[in-house]
Amino acid sequence: MKTSPSLGCCGLDCGLCPRFYTHGTSRCPGCCGDDFFNKHPSCAFVTCCVSKKGLEVCAECSDFPCARFDRETGMTDSFITHRRVMHNQEFIRKYGIAVFLEQQSRRMNILQTMIGHYDDGKSRSFFCLAAALLSLEGLNAGLTKTEQEVKERAIGKEDLKSRARIARESMEQIAGQENVELKLRKSKK
């Protein structure tokens, strides 16, 4: 039985996806979360991992990585980054799911702060990418820098455009230091 919808059994960071934080009908509840099967009726990973084997994530399977992961190169993204799918699975195999979920929870808390205080309506996907790809130390440093700069410039809560710009610049600076590109990679057709 799947208990953590913030983590896809395939290794996607569902809790760091823009659709996880969307309001309305396009909101995704995360992997096997409430109403998941109405939105995602057929997922080969869920069918095998959760329905047939009763696992939380594919990393717990003795057959991992199986043929389902052959196309999961991490080189292209959808509306969520796929760059960490295999990394997440390997991390879980090495350190356990509890350690992974604790770190993911910290990332989600930082993301929720960014969305709640710095999203101008156009930055949610960017913040999700930053939360998924930057180190926890980098995320914390970026958020601290953002908070300090907003305070120093006395930018009010109503000026979301300026707040978002500062947050994006802070996260981009950290990304540069960590050699991380904060952009979704689309497939070349």
N, C-alpha and C. Protein backbone atom coordinates (compact mmCIF):
# COMPACT_ATOMS: atom_id res chain seq x y z
N MET A 1 0.84 -1.20 0.00
CA MET A 1 0.00 0.00 0.00
C MET A 1 0.88 1.25 0.00
N LYS A 2 0.64 2.13 -0.94
CA LYS A 2 1.41 3.37 -1.07
C LYS A 2 0.93 4.37 -0.03
N THR A 3 1.87 4.94 0.71
CA THR A 3 1.51 5.88 1.78
C THR A 3 2.06 7.29 1.58
N SER A 4 2.97 7.48 0.64
CA SER A 4 3.61 8.79 0.45
C SER A 4 3.37 9.33 -0.95
N PRO A 5 2.25 10.05 -1.16
CA PRO A 5 1.97 10.57 -2.50
C PRO A 5 2.96 11.63 -2.97
N SER A 6 3.76 12.19 -2.07
CA SER A 6 4.75 13.20 -2.48
C SER A 6 5.92 12.59 -3.24
N LEU A 7 6.02 11.26 -3.23
CA LEU A 7 7.08 10.55 -3.94
C LEU A 7 6.45 9.57 -4.91
N GLY A 8 6.71 9.76 -6.19
CA GLY A 8 6.22 8.82 -7.19
C GLY A 8 6.94 7.49 -7.05
N CYS A 9 6.23 6.39 -7.25
CA CYS A 9 6.90 5.09 -7.16
C CYS A 9 8.00 5.00 -8.21
N CYS A 10 7.90 5.79 -9.27
CA CYS A 10 8.91 5.82 -10.33
C CYS A 10 10.13 6.66 -9.94
N GLY A 11 10.02 7.45 -8.87
CA GLY A 11 11.12 8.29 -8.43
C GLY A 11 10.90 9.77 -8.68
N LEU A 12 9.80 10.14 -9.33
CA LEU A 12 9.51 11.56 -9.51
C LEU A 12 9.22 12.21 -8.16
N ASP A 13 9.62 13.46 -8.02
CA ASP A 13 9.35 14.23 -6.81
C ASP A 13 7.97 14.88 -6.93
N CYS A 14 6.92 14.10 -6.73
CA CYS A 14 5.56 14.63 -6.89
C CYS A 14 5.31 15.82 -5.97
N GLY A 15 5.87 15.80 -4.78
CA GLY A 15 5.69 16.90 -3.83
C GLY A 15 6.45 18.16 -4.21
N LEU A 16 7.22 18.10 -5.30
CA LEU A 16 7.95 19.27 -5.78
C LEU A 16 7.50 19.64 -7.19
N CYS A 17 6.31 19.21 -7.55
CA CYS A 17 5.75 19.43 -8.88
C CYS A 17 4.74 20.59 -8.83
N PRO A 18 4.73 21.44 -9.86
CA PRO A 18 3.77 22.55 -9.87
C PRO A 18 2.31 22.09 -9.78
N ARG A 19 2.01 20.95 -10.35
CA ARG A 19 0.61 20.48 -10.33
C ARG A 19 0.18 20.04 -8.93
N PHE A 20 1.12 19.69 -8.09
CA PHE A 20 0.83 19.32 -6.70
C PHE A 20 0.33 20.54 -5.93
N TYR A 21 0.72 21.73 -6.39
CA TYR A 21 0.38 22.99 -5.72
C TYR A 21 -0.64 23.82 -6.49
N THR A 22 -1.21 23.24 -7.54
CA THR A 22 -2.21 23.93 -8.34
C THR A 22 -3.56 23.81 -7.67
N HIS A 23 -4.39 24.81 -7.85
CA HIS A 23 -5.76 24.75 -7.34
C HIS A 23 -6.69 24.46 -8.50
N GLY A 24 -7.75 23.73 -8.25
CA GLY A 24 -8.71 23.44 -9.30
C GLY A 24 -8.55 22.04 -9.87
N THR A 25 -9.15 21.84 -11.03
CA THR A 25 -9.24 20.50 -11.60
C THR A 25 -7.91 19.94 -12.10
N SER A 26 -6.94 20.79 -12.40
CA SER A 26 -5.66 20.28 -12.90
C SER A 26 -4.70 19.91 -11.77
N ARG A 27 -5.13 20.08 -10.52
CA ARG A 27 -4.29 19.71 -9.39
C ARG A 27 -4.08 18.20 -9.36
N CYS A 28 -2.84 17.79 -9.14
CA CYS A 28 -2.51 16.37 -9.01
C CYS A 28 -2.30 16.08 -7.53
N PRO A 29 -2.89 15.00 -7.03
CA PRO A 29 -2.76 14.67 -5.61
C PRO A 29 -1.46 13.95 -5.27
N GLY A 30 -0.61 13.74 -6.27
CA GLY A 30 0.61 12.96 -6.05
C GLY A 30 0.34 11.49 -6.33
N CYS A 31 1.39 10.71 -6.33
CA CYS A 31 1.32 9.30 -6.70
C CYS A 31 0.40 8.51 -5.75
N CYS A 32 -0.68 8.02 -6.29
CA CYS A 32 -1.68 7.23 -5.57
C CYS A 32 -2.40 8.02 -4.48
N GLY A 33 -2.34 9.35 -4.53
CA GLY A 33 -3.05 10.18 -3.57
C GLY A 33 -4.55 10.18 -3.89
N ASP A 34 -5.30 10.91 -3.09
CA ASP A 34 -6.75 11.00 -3.29
C ASP A 34 -7.07 11.39 -4.73
N ASP A 35 -7.94 10.65 -5.37
CA ASP A 35 -8.41 10.93 -6.72
C ASP A 35 -7.34 10.72 -7.80
N PHE A 36 -6.22 10.11 -7.45
CA PHE A 36 -5.13 9.88 -8.40
C PHE A 36 -5.59 9.06 -9.60
N PHE A 37 -6.32 7.99 -9.35
CA PHE A 37 -6.66 7.07 -10.43
C PHE A 37 -7.70 7.65 -11.39
N ASN A 38 -8.41 8.69 -10.99
CA ASN A 38 -9.30 9.39 -11.92
C ASN A 38 -8.50 10.29 -12.86
N LYS A 39 -7.36 10.77 -12.40
CA LYS A 39 -6.52 11.66 -13.22
C LYS A 39 -5.47 10.89 -14.01
N HIS A 40 -5.01 9.78 -13.47
CA HIS A 40 -3.96 8.96 -14.10
C HIS A 40 -4.41 7.50 -14.10
N PRO A 41 -5.38 7.15 -14.92
CA PRO A 41 -5.95 5.80 -14.85
C PRO A 41 -4.97 4.68 -15.16
N SER A 42 -3.98 4.93 -15.98
CA SER A 42 -3.04 3.84 -16.29
C SER A 42 -1.61 4.34 -16.18
N CYS A 43 -0.91 3.83 -15.21
CA CYS A 43 0.50 4.14 -15.02
C CYS A 43 1.21 2.80 -14.83
N ALA A 44 2.09 2.46 -15.74
CA ALA A 44 2.77 1.16 -15.69
C ALA A 44 3.59 1.01 -14.41
N PHE A 45 4.18 2.10 -13.93
CA PHE A 45 4.97 2.02 -12.71
C PHE A 45 4.08 1.68 -11.51
N VAL A 46 2.93 2.36 -11.40
CA VAL A 46 2.01 2.11 -10.29
C VAL A 46 1.45 0.70 -10.38
N THR A 47 1.07 0.27 -11.58
CA THR A 47 0.51 -1.07 -11.74
C THR A 47 1.48 -2.12 -11.23
N CYS A 48 2.73 -2.04 -11.64
CA CYS A 48 3.73 -3.03 -11.24
C CYS A 48 4.15 -2.86 -9.78
N CYS A 49 4.60 -1.68 -9.43
CA CYS A 49 5.18 -1.43 -8.11
C CYS A 49 4.16 -1.51 -6.98
N VAL A 50 3.07 -0.79 -7.12
CA VAL A 50 2.10 -0.67 -6.03
C VAL A 50 1.05 -1.77 -6.10
N SER A 51 0.37 -1.90 -7.24
CA SER A 51 -0.74 -2.84 -7.35
C SER A 51 -0.29 -4.30 -7.29
N LYS A 52 0.75 -4.65 -8.05
CA LYS A 52 1.17 -6.05 -8.11
C LYS A 52 2.12 -6.45 -6.98
N LYS A 53 3.04 -5.54 -6.62
CA LYS A 53 4.09 -5.92 -5.66
C LYS A 53 3.92 -5.31 -4.27
N GLY A 54 2.99 -4.37 -4.13
CA GLY A 54 2.73 -3.77 -2.82
C GLY A 54 3.87 -2.94 -2.26
N LEU A 55 4.64 -2.33 -3.15
CA LEU A 55 5.80 -1.53 -2.73
C LEU A 55 5.47 -0.04 -2.75
N GLU A 56 6.28 0.73 -2.08
CA GLU A 56 6.15 2.19 -2.08
C GLU A 56 6.85 2.80 -3.29
N VAL A 57 8.05 2.31 -3.59
CA VAL A 57 8.85 2.82 -4.70
C VAL A 57 9.55 1.66 -5.40
N CYS A 58 9.89 1.88 -6.64
CA CYS A 58 10.56 0.84 -7.44
C CYS A 58 11.91 0.45 -6.85
N ALA A 59 12.57 1.35 -6.14
CA ALA A 59 13.87 1.06 -5.54
C ALA A 59 13.80 -0.11 -4.57
N GLU A 60 12.62 -0.39 -4.04
CA GLU A 60 12.45 -1.50 -3.10
C GLU A 60 12.33 -2.85 -3.80
N CYS A 61 12.23 -2.83 -5.11
CA CYS A 61 12.03 -4.06 -5.89
C CYS A 61 13.37 -4.72 -6.21
N SER A 62 13.40 -6.03 -6.13
CA SER A 62 14.63 -6.77 -6.46
C SER A 62 14.96 -6.69 -7.95
N ASP A 63 13.98 -6.35 -8.78
CA ASP A 63 14.19 -6.23 -10.22
C ASP A 63 14.63 -4.83 -10.66
N PHE A 64 14.74 -3.90 -9.72
CA PHE A 64 15.11 -2.53 -10.08
C PHE A 64 16.57 -2.46 -10.48
N PRO A 65 16.91 -1.71 -11.52
CA PRO A 65 16.03 -1.05 -12.48
C PRO A 65 15.59 -2.03 -13.56
N CYS A 66 14.32 -2.04 -13.84
CA CYS A 66 13.76 -2.94 -14.84
C CYS A 66 13.63 -2.20 -16.18
N ALA A 67 13.05 -2.88 -17.15
CA ALA A 67 12.92 -2.33 -18.50
C ALA A 67 12.07 -1.05 -18.53
N ARG A 68 11.19 -0.86 -17.53
CA ARG A 68 10.38 0.37 -17.51
C ARG A 68 11.25 1.62 -17.42
N PHE A 69 12.45 1.46 -16.90
CA PHE A 69 13.35 2.60 -16.74
C PHE A 69 14.26 2.82 -17.94
N ASP A 70 14.16 1.98 -18.96
CA ASP A 70 15.03 2.12 -20.13
C ASP A 70 14.89 3.49 -20.79
N ARG A 71 13.68 4.03 -20.80
CA ARG A 71 13.44 5.34 -21.43
C ARG A 71 13.65 6.49 -20.46
N GLU A 72 13.84 6.18 -19.19
CA GLU A 72 13.99 7.21 -18.17
C GLU A 72 15.46 7.61 -18.05
N THR A 73 15.89 8.38 -19.03
CA THR A 73 17.30 8.80 -19.08
C THR A 73 17.55 10.05 -18.25
N GLY A 74 16.48 10.77 -17.90
CA GLY A 74 16.64 12.03 -17.19
C GLY A 74 17.05 13.18 -18.10
N MET A 75 17.09 12.92 -19.40
CA MET A 75 17.54 13.95 -20.35
C MET A 75 16.41 14.89 -20.78
N THR A 76 15.17 14.46 -20.64
CA THR A 76 14.04 15.33 -20.99
C THR A 76 13.05 15.36 -19.83
N ASP A 77 12.31 16.45 -19.77
CA ASP A 77 11.35 16.66 -18.70
C ASP A 77 9.95 16.82 -19.28
N SER A 78 8.96 16.69 -18.43
CA SER A 78 7.59 17.04 -18.83
C SER A 78 7.31 18.39 -18.16
N PHE A 79 6.26 18.49 -17.38
CA PHE A 79 6.02 19.72 -16.61
C PHE A 79 6.71 19.63 -15.25
N ILE A 80 7.38 18.50 -15.01
CA ILE A 80 8.19 18.26 -13.82
C ILE A 80 9.53 17.71 -14.28
N THR A 81 10.59 18.02 -13.57
CA THR A 81 11.89 17.53 -13.98
C THR A 81 12.03 16.03 -13.74
N HIS A 82 12.69 15.38 -14.67
CA HIS A 82 12.97 13.94 -14.55
C HIS A 82 14.45 13.71 -14.21
N ARG A 83 15.20 14.78 -14.01
CA ARG A 83 16.65 14.65 -13.80
C ARG A 83 17.01 13.87 -12.55
N ARG A 84 16.13 13.82 -11.58
CA ARG A 84 16.48 13.17 -10.31
C ARG A 84 15.81 11.82 -10.12
N VAL A 85 15.11 11.32 -11.11
CA VAL A 85 14.39 10.05 -10.96
C VAL A 85 15.34 8.93 -10.52
N MET A 86 16.38 8.69 -11.28
CA MET A 86 17.29 7.59 -10.94
C MET A 86 18.09 7.92 -9.67
N HIS A 87 18.48 9.17 -9.52
CA HIS A 87 19.19 9.58 -8.30
C HIS A 87 18.33 9.31 -7.07
N ASN A 88 17.05 9.67 -7.14
CA ASN A 88 16.15 9.44 -6.01
C ASN A 88 16.05 7.95 -5.68
N GLN A 89 15.90 7.12 -6.71
CA GLN A 89 15.79 5.68 -6.49
C GLN A 89 17.07 5.13 -5.85
N GLU A 90 18.22 5.55 -6.36
CA GLU A 90 19.50 5.07 -5.81
C GLU A 90 19.69 5.56 -4.38
N PHE A 91 19.29 6.80 -4.11
CA PHE A 91 19.37 7.33 -2.75
C PHE A 91 18.53 6.49 -1.80
N ILE A 92 17.31 6.15 -2.21
CA ILE A 92 16.42 5.34 -1.39
C ILE A 92 17.02 3.96 -1.15
N ARG A 93 17.59 3.37 -2.17
CA ARG A 93 18.23 2.05 -2.00
C ARG A 93 19.37 2.12 -0.99
N LYS A 94 20.12 3.20 -1.02
CA LYS A 94 21.30 3.33 -0.16
C LYS A 94 20.96 3.74 1.28
N TYR A 95 20.06 4.72 1.43
CA TYR A 95 19.80 5.30 2.74
C TYR A 95 18.42 4.98 3.32
N GLY A 96 17.52 4.49 2.50
CA GLY A 96 16.18 4.17 2.97
C GLY A 96 15.17 5.26 2.65
N ILE A 97 13.93 4.84 2.58
CA ILE A 97 12.87 5.77 2.18
C ILE A 97 12.61 6.83 3.26
N ALA A 98 12.78 6.48 4.54
CA ALA A 98 12.52 7.46 5.61
C ALA A 98 13.47 8.65 5.51
N VAL A 99 14.73 8.39 5.23
CA VAL A 99 15.72 9.48 5.09
C VAL A 99 15.37 10.33 3.88
N PHE A 100 15.00 9.67 2.78
CA PHE A 100 14.62 10.42 1.58
C PHE A 100 13.42 11.32 1.86
N LEU A 101 12.38 10.76 2.48
CA LEU A 101 11.16 11.53 2.73
C LEU A 101 11.41 12.69 3.69
N GLU A 102 12.33 12.52 4.63
CA GLU A 102 12.66 13.61 5.55
C GLU A 102 13.31 14.76 4.77
N GLN A 103 14.22 14.43 3.87
CA GLN A 103 14.85 15.47 3.05
C GLN A 103 13.84 16.11 2.10
N GLN A 104 12.97 15.28 1.51
CA GLN A 104 11.96 15.81 0.61
C GLN A 104 11.01 16.75 1.37
N SER A 105 10.68 16.40 2.60
CA SER A 105 9.81 17.25 3.41
C SER A 105 10.46 18.62 3.64
N ARG A 106 11.75 18.65 3.87
CA ARG A 106 12.46 19.92 4.04
C ARG A 106 12.40 20.73 2.75
N ARG A 107 12.59 20.06 1.62
CA ARG A 107 12.49 20.74 0.32
C ARG A 107 11.08 21.29 0.11
N MET A 108 10.07 20.49 0.45
CA MET A 108 8.68 20.92 0.28
C MET A 108 8.37 22.13 1.16
N ASN A 109 8.90 22.16 2.37
CA ASN A 109 8.67 23.31 3.26
C ASN A 109 9.27 24.59 2.67
N ILE A 110 10.48 24.48 2.13
CA ILE A 110 11.11 25.64 1.49
C ILE A 110 10.29 26.07 0.27
N LEU A 111 9.86 25.09 -0.53
CA LEU A 111 9.05 25.39 -1.71
C LEU A 111 7.75 26.09 -1.31
N GLN A 112 7.09 25.59 -0.28
CA GLN A 112 5.83 26.21 0.15
C GLN A 112 6.05 27.64 0.61
N THR A 113 7.18 27.91 1.24
CA THR A 113 7.51 29.29 1.63
C THR A 113 7.70 30.15 0.39
N MET A 114 8.44 29.63 -0.60
CA MET A 114 8.66 30.40 -1.83
C MET A 114 7.34 30.68 -2.54
N ILE A 115 6.49 29.66 -2.65
CA ILE A 115 5.20 29.86 -3.32
C ILE A 115 4.33 30.83 -2.52
N GLY A 116 4.30 30.67 -1.21
CA GLY A 116 3.44 31.48 -0.37
C GLY A 116 3.83 32.94 -0.27
N HIS A 117 5.13 33.23 -0.39
CA HIS A 117 5.60 34.60 -0.17
C HIS A 117 6.21 35.28 -1.39
N TYR A 118 6.55 34.49 -2.43
CA TYR A 118 7.30 35.08 -3.54
C TYR A 118 6.75 34.74 -4.92
N ASP A 119 5.66 34.02 -5.00
CA ASP A 119 5.12 33.64 -6.32
C ASP A 119 4.24 34.76 -6.86
N ASP A 120 4.62 35.27 -8.01
CA ASP A 120 3.87 36.33 -8.68
C ASP A 120 2.85 35.77 -9.66
N GLY A 121 2.59 34.49 -9.60
CA GLY A 121 1.67 33.85 -10.53
C GLY A 121 2.38 33.28 -11.75
N LYS A 122 3.68 33.55 -11.86
CA LYS A 122 4.46 33.07 -13.00
C LYS A 122 5.71 32.30 -12.58
N SER A 123 5.93 32.15 -11.30
CA SER A 123 7.20 31.61 -10.81
C SER A 123 7.10 30.22 -10.18
N ARG A 124 5.92 29.68 -10.07
CA ARG A 124 5.73 28.40 -9.38
C ARG A 124 6.57 27.28 -9.99
N SER A 125 6.55 27.13 -11.29
CA SER A 125 7.33 26.07 -11.94
C SER A 125 8.82 26.25 -11.68
N PHE A 126 9.28 27.49 -11.74
CA PHE A 126 10.69 27.78 -11.46
C PHE A 126 11.04 27.39 -10.03
N PHE A 127 10.20 27.77 -9.08
CA PHE A 127 10.46 27.43 -7.68
C PHE A 127 10.47 25.92 -7.48
N CYS A 128 9.58 25.21 -8.17
CA CYS A 128 9.55 23.75 -8.08
C CYS A 128 10.85 23.15 -8.60
N LEU A 129 11.34 23.67 -9.71
CA LEU A 129 12.62 23.20 -10.25
C LEU A 129 13.75 23.45 -9.26
N ALA A 130 13.79 24.63 -8.70
CA ALA A 130 14.83 24.95 -7.72
C ALA A 130 14.76 24.00 -6.54
N ALA A 131 13.56 23.75 -6.03
CA ALA A 131 13.40 22.87 -4.87
C ALA A 131 13.83 21.44 -5.19
N ALA A 132 13.63 21.01 -6.42
CA ALA A 132 13.99 19.65 -6.81
C ALA A 132 15.47 19.50 -7.11
N LEU A 133 16.10 20.52 -7.67
CA LEU A 133 17.45 20.35 -8.21
C LEU A 133 18.59 20.93 -7.38
N LEU A 134 18.31 21.96 -6.61
CA LEU A 134 19.38 22.55 -5.80
C LEU A 134 19.61 21.73 -4.53
N SER A 135 20.80 21.85 -3.97
CA SER A 135 21.08 21.18 -2.70
C SER A 135 20.22 21.83 -1.61
N LEU A 136 19.98 21.10 -0.53
CA LEU A 136 19.22 21.68 0.58
C LEU A 136 19.94 22.91 1.13
N GLU A 137 21.25 22.84 1.20
CA GLU A 137 22.02 23.98 1.68
C GLU A 137 21.84 25.18 0.74
N GLY A 138 21.87 24.91 -0.55
CA GLY A 138 21.67 25.96 -1.54
C GLY A 138 20.28 26.57 -1.46
N LEU A 139 19.27 25.72 -1.30
CA LEU A 139 17.89 26.21 -1.17
C LEU A 139 17.77 27.13 0.04
N ASN A 140 18.29 26.67 1.17
CA ASN A 140 18.24 27.48 2.38
C ASN A 140 18.97 28.80 2.19
N ALA A 141 20.15 28.75 1.58
CA ALA A 141 20.92 29.97 1.34
C ALA A 141 20.17 30.92 0.41
N GLY A 142 19.56 30.38 -0.64
CA GLY A 142 18.80 31.20 -1.57
C GLY A 142 17.60 31.85 -0.92
N LEU A 143 16.90 31.09 -0.08
CA LEU A 143 15.74 31.63 0.62
C LEU A 143 16.16 32.70 1.62
N THR A 144 17.24 32.44 2.35
CA THR A 144 17.75 33.42 3.31
C THR A 144 18.16 34.71 2.61
N LYS A 145 18.86 34.58 1.50
CA LYS A 145 19.28 35.76 0.71
C LYS A 145 18.06 36.53 0.23
N THR A 146 17.05 35.81 -0.24
CA THR A 146 15.81 36.44 -0.71
C THR A 146 15.16 37.22 0.42
N GLU A 147 15.00 36.57 1.57
CA GLU A 147 14.34 37.21 2.71
C GLU A 147 15.10 38.47 3.15
N GLN A 148 16.43 38.38 3.18
CA GLN A 148 17.24 39.53 3.58
C GLN A 148 17.09 40.69 2.60
N GLU A 149 17.15 40.37 1.31
CA GLU A 149 17.07 41.43 0.30
C GLU A 149 15.70 42.09 0.29
N VAL A 150 14.65 41.29 0.43
CA VAL A 150 13.29 41.85 0.48
C VAL A 150 13.16 42.77 1.69
N LYS A 151 13.72 42.35 2.82
CA LYS A 151 13.66 43.16 4.04
C LYS A 151 14.47 44.45 3.88
N GLU A 152 15.70 44.33 3.35
CA GLU A 152 16.57 45.50 3.17
C GLU A 152 15.94 46.53 2.24
N ARG A 153 15.27 46.07 1.20
CA ARG A 153 14.64 46.98 0.23
C ARG A 153 13.24 47.40 0.66
N ALA A 154 12.79 46.87 1.79
CA ALA A 154 11.45 47.18 2.33
C ALA A 154 10.36 46.95 1.28
N ILE A 155 10.43 45.79 0.63
CA ILE A 155 9.43 45.45 -0.39
C ILE A 155 8.24 44.81 0.30
N GLY A 156 7.09 45.42 0.14
CA GLY A 156 5.88 44.95 0.79
C GLY A 156 5.33 43.66 0.19
N LYS A 157 4.47 43.01 0.94
CA LYS A 157 3.87 41.75 0.50
C LYS A 157 3.04 41.90 -0.76
N GLU A 158 2.54 43.11 -1.00
CA GLU A 158 1.69 43.34 -2.17
C GLU A 158 2.50 43.43 -3.47
N ASP A 159 3.80 43.66 -3.38
CA ASP A 159 4.65 43.78 -4.57
C ASP A 159 5.26 42.42 -4.93
N LEU A 160 4.39 41.52 -5.35
CA LEU A 160 4.83 40.16 -5.65
C LEU A 160 5.78 40.09 -6.84
N LYS A 161 5.63 41.01 -7.77
CA LYS A 161 6.52 41.00 -8.93
C LYS A 161 7.97 41.22 -8.50
N SER A 162 8.21 42.19 -7.66
CA SER A 162 9.57 42.46 -7.18
C SER A 162 10.07 41.34 -6.29
N ARG A 163 9.19 40.82 -5.44
CA ARG A 163 9.58 39.73 -4.54
C ARG A 163 9.96 38.49 -5.35
N ALA A 164 9.18 38.19 -6.39
CA ALA A 164 9.46 37.02 -7.24
C ALA A 164 10.78 37.20 -7.97
N ARG A 165 11.02 38.41 -8.47
CA ARG A 165 12.27 38.67 -9.19
C ARG A 165 13.48 38.44 -8.29
N ILE A 166 13.41 38.93 -7.08
CA ILE A 166 14.50 38.74 -6.12
C ILE A 166 14.70 37.26 -5.81
N ALA A 167 13.60 36.55 -5.59
CA ALA A 167 13.69 35.11 -5.29
C ALA A 167 14.30 34.35 -6.45
N ARG A 168 13.85 34.66 -7.66
CA ARG A 168 14.39 33.99 -8.84
C ARG A 168 15.89 34.28 -9.00
N GLU A 169 16.27 35.53 -8.82
CA GLU A 169 17.69 35.90 -8.93
C GLU A 169 18.54 35.19 -7.88
N SER A 170 18.02 35.09 -6.67
CA SER A 170 18.76 34.41 -5.60
C SER A 170 18.94 32.93 -5.93
N MET A 171 17.88 32.29 -6.40
CA MET A 171 17.96 30.86 -6.74
C MET A 171 18.84 30.64 -7.97
N GLU A 172 18.79 31.54 -8.93
CA GLU A 172 19.66 31.43 -10.11
C GLU A 172 21.13 31.57 -9.71
N GLN A 173 21.40 32.46 -8.77
CA GLN A 173 22.78 32.63 -8.31
C GLN A 173 23.28 31.34 -7.66
N ILE A 174 22.47 30.73 -6.82
CA ILE A 174 22.84 29.45 -6.19
C ILE A 174 23.00 28.38 -7.27
N ALA A 175 22.09 28.35 -8.22
CA ALA A 175 22.18 27.36 -9.31
C ALA A 175 23.49 27.51 -10.07
N GLY A 176 23.91 28.73 -10.31
CA GLY A 176 25.19 28.96 -10.98
C GLY A 176 26.35 28.42 -10.17
N GLN A 177 26.30 28.63 -8.87
CA GLN A 177 27.35 28.12 -7.98
C GLN A 177 27.38 26.60 -7.97
N GLU A 178 26.20 25.98 -8.10
CA GLU A 178 26.10 24.52 -8.06
C GLU A 178 26.14 23.90 -9.45
N ASN A 179 26.28 24.74 -10.47
CA ASN A 179 26.31 24.27 -11.86
C ASN A 179 25.03 23.50 -12.23
N VAL A 180 23.90 24.09 -11.88
CA VAL A 180 22.59 23.49 -12.14
C VAL A 180 21.80 24.43 -13.04
N GLU A 181 21.19 23.89 -14.07
CA GLU A 181 20.34 24.68 -14.95
C GLU A 181 18.90 24.57 -14.48
N LEU A 182 18.30 25.71 -14.14
CA LEU A 182 16.92 25.73 -13.66
C LEU A 182 15.97 25.99 -14.82
N LYS A 183 15.90 25.02 -15.69
CA LYS A 183 15.06 25.10 -16.87
C LYS A 183 14.62 23.68 -17.23
N LEU A 184 13.34 23.52 -17.57
CA LEU A 184 12.88 22.20 -18.03
C LEU A 184 13.49 21.90 -19.38
N ARG A 185 13.87 20.66 -19.60
CA ARG A 185 14.48 20.26 -20.86
C ARG A 185 13.47 19.48 -21.68
N LYS A 186 13.06 20.05 -22.77
CA LYS A 186 12.07 19.42 -23.66
C LYS A 186 12.77 18.56 -24.68
N SER A 187 12.06 17.54 -25.15
CA SER A 187 12.65 16.65 -26.17
C SER A 187 12.71 17.38 -27.50
N LYS A 188 13.73 17.07 -28.25
CA LYS A 188 13.88 17.64 -29.59
C LYS A 188 13.20 16.71 -30.57
N LYS A 189 12.17 17.22 -31.23
CA LYS A 189 11.39 16.37 -32.14
C LYS A 189 11.89 16.46 -33.54
